[in-house]
N, C-alpha and C. Protein backbone atom coordinates (compact mmCIF):
# COMPACT_ATOMS: atom_id res chain seq x y z
N MET A 1 100.33 112.90 91.52
CA MET A 1 100.72 111.51 91.38
C MET A 1 101.59 111.39 90.13
N THR A 2 102.72 110.72 90.25
CA THR A 2 103.63 110.57 89.12
C THR A 2 103.15 109.47 88.18
N GLN A 3 103.76 109.42 87.02
CA GLN A 3 103.42 108.37 86.04
C GLN A 3 103.66 106.98 86.63
N VAL A 4 104.77 106.83 87.39
CA VAL A 4 105.07 105.54 88.03
C VAL A 4 103.97 105.18 89.02
N ASP A 5 103.56 106.16 89.84
CA ASP A 5 102.49 105.92 90.81
C ASP A 5 101.20 105.51 90.12
N THR A 6 100.86 106.21 89.02
CA THR A 6 99.64 105.91 88.29
C THR A 6 99.69 104.51 87.71
N SER A 7 100.80 104.17 87.10
CA SER A 7 100.96 102.84 86.51
C SER A 7 100.89 101.75 87.58
N LEU A 8 101.56 101.98 88.69
CA LEU A 8 101.55 101.02 89.79
C LEU A 8 100.13 100.90 90.38
N SER A 9 99.45 102.01 90.53
CA SER A 9 98.08 102.00 91.05
C SER A 9 97.16 101.19 90.14
N GLU A 10 97.30 101.39 88.84
CA GLU A 10 96.47 100.64 87.89
C GLU A 10 96.78 99.15 87.93
N SER A 11 98.05 98.80 88.08
CA SER A 11 98.43 97.39 88.17
C SER A 11 97.86 96.75 89.44
N ILE A 12 97.91 97.48 90.55
CA ILE A 12 97.35 96.98 91.81
C ILE A 12 95.84 96.83 91.68
N ALA A 13 95.19 97.79 91.06
CA ALA A 13 93.73 97.72 90.87
C ALA A 13 93.35 96.47 90.07
N LYS A 14 94.15 96.12 89.07
CA LYS A 14 93.89 94.90 88.30
C LYS A 14 94.02 93.66 89.17
N LEU A 15 95.04 93.63 90.03
CA LEU A 15 95.22 92.50 90.94
C LEU A 15 94.04 92.40 91.91
N ILE A 16 93.55 93.54 92.37
CA ILE A 16 92.40 93.56 93.28
C ILE A 16 91.16 93.00 92.58
N GLU A 17 90.94 93.43 91.35
CA GLU A 17 89.79 92.93 90.61
C GLU A 17 89.89 91.41 90.42
N GLN A 18 91.07 90.92 90.09
CA GLN A 18 91.27 89.48 89.90
C GLN A 18 91.07 88.72 91.21
N ALA A 19 91.63 89.25 92.30
CA ALA A 19 91.54 88.58 93.61
C ALA A 19 90.10 88.50 94.10
N SER A 20 89.28 89.48 93.71
CA SER A 20 87.88 89.49 94.16
C SER A 20 86.93 88.86 93.14
N SER A 21 87.50 88.23 92.11
CA SER A 21 86.70 87.63 91.04
C SER A 21 85.74 88.65 90.41
N GLY A 22 86.20 89.90 90.30
CA GLY A 22 85.43 90.94 89.65
C GLY A 22 84.46 91.69 90.55
N LEU A 23 84.33 91.26 91.80
CA LEU A 23 83.40 91.95 92.72
C LEU A 23 83.83 93.40 92.93
N VAL A 24 85.12 93.60 93.14
CA VAL A 24 85.66 94.95 93.27
C VAL A 24 86.37 95.26 91.96
N THR A 25 85.74 96.10 91.15
CA THR A 25 86.30 96.45 89.85
C THR A 25 87.52 97.36 90.02
N GLN A 26 88.28 97.52 88.94
CA GLN A 26 89.44 98.40 89.00
C GLN A 26 89.03 99.81 89.38
N GLN A 27 87.96 100.29 88.78
CA GLN A 27 87.48 101.65 89.08
C GLN A 27 87.10 101.77 90.55
N LEU A 28 86.40 100.79 91.08
CA LEU A 28 86.02 100.82 92.49
C LEU A 28 87.24 100.72 93.39
N ALA A 29 88.21 99.91 93.01
CA ALA A 29 89.44 99.76 93.80
C ALA A 29 90.19 101.08 93.89
N LEU A 30 90.19 101.85 92.80
CA LEU A 30 90.91 103.12 92.77
C LEU A 30 90.20 104.25 93.52
N ASP A 31 88.95 104.04 93.90
CA ASP A 31 88.19 105.02 94.68
C ASP A 31 88.68 104.97 96.13
N GLU A 32 89.35 106.02 96.56
CA GLU A 32 89.99 106.05 97.87
C GLU A 32 89.04 106.42 99.02
N ARG A 33 87.77 106.65 98.73
CA ARG A 33 86.84 107.10 99.77
C ARG A 33 86.50 106.02 100.79
N SER A 34 86.68 104.76 100.42
CA SER A 34 86.42 103.67 101.37
C SER A 34 87.45 102.58 101.15
N ASN A 35 87.62 101.73 102.16
CA ASN A 35 88.62 100.68 102.02
C ASN A 35 88.01 99.44 101.37
N LEU A 36 88.86 98.48 101.06
CA LEU A 36 88.41 97.30 100.33
C LEU A 36 87.38 96.47 101.11
N LEU A 37 87.51 96.42 102.42
CA LEU A 37 86.52 95.69 103.22
C LEU A 37 85.13 96.30 103.05
N GLU A 38 85.07 97.62 103.06
CA GLU A 38 83.80 98.32 102.89
C GLU A 38 83.23 98.11 101.48
N LYS A 39 84.08 97.72 100.55
CA LYS A 39 83.65 97.49 99.17
C LYS A 39 83.27 96.03 98.93
N GLY A 40 83.35 95.20 99.99
CA GLY A 40 82.94 93.81 99.87
C GLY A 40 84.07 92.81 99.67
N PHE A 41 85.31 93.25 99.84
CA PHE A 41 86.48 92.38 99.69
C PHE A 41 86.48 91.38 100.85
N SER A 42 86.62 90.10 100.56
CA SER A 42 86.59 89.06 101.59
C SER A 42 87.99 88.73 102.10
N SER A 43 88.05 87.99 103.19
CA SER A 43 89.36 87.59 103.72
C SER A 43 90.09 86.68 102.73
N LEU A 44 89.36 85.84 102.03
CA LEU A 44 89.98 85.00 101.00
C LEU A 44 90.54 85.86 99.87
N SER A 45 89.81 86.90 99.50
CA SER A 45 90.30 87.82 98.47
C SER A 45 91.58 88.50 98.92
N PHE A 46 91.65 88.88 100.21
CA PHE A 46 92.88 89.50 100.72
C PHE A 46 94.06 88.54 100.61
N LEU A 47 93.84 87.28 100.96
CA LEU A 47 94.92 86.29 100.86
C LEU A 47 95.38 86.12 99.42
N GLN A 48 94.42 86.09 98.51
CA GLN A 48 94.77 85.97 97.09
C GLN A 48 95.52 87.21 96.61
N LEU A 49 95.09 88.38 97.08
CA LEU A 49 95.76 89.62 96.72
C LEU A 49 97.19 89.63 97.24
N ILE A 50 97.37 89.25 98.48
CA ILE A 50 98.72 89.21 99.07
C ILE A 50 99.62 88.28 98.27
N ASP A 51 99.11 87.11 97.92
CA ASP A 51 99.88 86.16 97.11
C ASP A 51 100.26 86.78 95.76
N SER A 52 99.31 87.45 95.14
CA SER A 52 99.56 88.08 93.84
C SER A 52 100.60 89.19 93.94
N ILE A 53 100.50 90.00 94.98
CA ILE A 53 101.46 91.10 95.18
C ILE A 53 102.86 90.52 95.41
N GLU A 54 102.95 89.51 96.27
CA GLU A 54 104.25 88.91 96.57
C GLU A 54 104.87 88.29 95.32
N THR A 55 104.06 87.60 94.54
CA THR A 55 104.55 86.95 93.32
C THR A 55 104.92 87.96 92.25
N THR A 56 104.07 88.94 92.03
CA THR A 56 104.27 89.93 90.98
C THR A 56 105.45 90.85 91.26
N TYR A 57 105.58 91.28 92.51
CA TYR A 57 106.57 92.30 92.83
C TYR A 57 107.78 91.79 93.63
N GLY A 58 107.78 90.50 93.96
CA GLY A 58 108.93 89.93 94.65
C GLY A 58 109.15 90.48 96.06
N VAL A 59 108.04 90.79 96.74
CA VAL A 59 108.12 91.31 98.10
C VAL A 59 107.50 90.29 99.06
N TYR A 60 107.70 90.51 100.34
CA TYR A 60 107.10 89.67 101.37
C TYR A 60 106.22 90.55 102.24
N ILE A 61 105.00 90.10 102.46
CA ILE A 61 104.07 90.81 103.35
C ILE A 61 103.90 89.95 104.59
N ASP A 62 104.38 90.45 105.72
CA ASP A 62 104.32 89.73 106.99
C ASP A 62 102.94 89.92 107.61
N LEU A 63 102.18 88.84 107.69
CA LEU A 63 100.82 88.92 108.23
C LEU A 63 100.80 89.12 109.74
N GLU A 64 101.96 89.00 110.39
CA GLU A 64 102.05 89.25 111.83
C GLU A 64 102.21 90.74 112.11
N GLU A 65 102.54 91.51 111.08
CA GLU A 65 102.72 92.96 111.22
C GLU A 65 101.42 93.68 110.87
N ASP A 66 101.44 94.99 110.96
CA ASP A 66 100.28 95.82 110.60
C ASP A 66 100.04 95.73 109.09
N THR A 67 98.87 95.25 108.70
CA THR A 67 98.56 95.10 107.28
C THR A 67 97.42 96.03 106.84
N THR A 68 97.15 97.05 107.62
CA THR A 68 96.06 97.96 107.27
C THR A 68 96.32 98.69 105.95
N PHE A 69 97.59 98.76 105.54
CA PHE A 69 97.91 99.41 104.26
C PHE A 69 97.25 98.70 103.08
N LEU A 70 96.85 97.43 103.27
CA LEU A 70 96.22 96.66 102.21
C LEU A 70 94.79 97.11 101.91
N GLY A 71 94.25 97.99 102.71
CA GLY A 71 92.87 98.42 102.54
C GLY A 71 92.61 99.36 101.38
N ARG A 72 93.67 100.01 100.91
CA ARG A 72 93.51 100.98 99.82
C ARG A 72 94.68 100.84 98.84
N VAL A 73 94.41 101.13 97.59
CA VAL A 73 95.44 101.07 96.56
C VAL A 73 96.62 101.97 96.94
N SER A 74 96.34 103.16 97.43
CA SER A 74 97.41 104.09 97.79
C SER A 74 98.32 103.51 98.88
N GLY A 75 97.75 102.77 99.81
CA GLY A 75 98.55 102.13 100.86
C GLY A 75 99.44 101.04 100.31
N ILE A 76 98.92 100.28 99.36
CA ILE A 76 99.71 99.22 98.74
C ILE A 76 100.84 99.83 97.92
N VAL A 77 100.54 100.89 97.17
CA VAL A 77 101.57 101.57 96.38
C VAL A 77 102.66 102.11 97.30
N ARG A 78 102.26 102.73 98.40
CA ARG A 78 103.23 103.26 99.37
C ARG A 78 104.12 102.14 99.91
N PHE A 79 103.52 101.00 100.28
CA PHE A 79 104.28 99.85 100.77
C PHE A 79 105.27 99.38 99.71
N LEU A 80 104.83 99.25 98.48
CA LEU A 80 105.71 98.77 97.41
C LEU A 80 106.86 99.73 97.16
N LYS A 81 106.59 101.02 97.22
CA LYS A 81 107.66 102.00 97.04
C LYS A 81 108.67 101.92 98.19
N GLU A 82 108.17 101.64 99.40
CA GLU A 82 109.08 101.46 100.54
C GLU A 82 109.96 100.22 100.34
N GLN A 83 109.46 99.27 99.55
CA GLN A 83 110.22 98.05 99.26
C GLN A 83 111.08 98.23 97.98
N ASN A 84 111.16 99.47 97.52
CA ASN A 84 111.94 99.82 96.33
C ASN A 84 111.39 99.23 95.04
N VAL A 85 110.09 99.04 94.98
CA VAL A 85 109.43 98.61 93.75
C VAL A 85 109.05 99.85 92.96
N GLU A 86 109.38 99.87 91.70
CA GLU A 86 109.03 101.03 90.86
C GLU A 86 108.07 100.62 89.78
């Protein structure tokens, strides 16, 4: 993992912790063994996370498309890199 990936992963983990009101900590978010739903992330938390990602990184997440990438930090980082976010 590059320094950019690590930094982006840590930033996403912070957004996840904020969106879940601390239920899913940064450390837990970075654990790739299970997805956010399995960690107790709610649908409201996902909506808050999506809003935070869109606002922070200037991207659009189409909820009509496949959003399974939102389940793990690595998936979100991959999506952001595809959107040319560094």
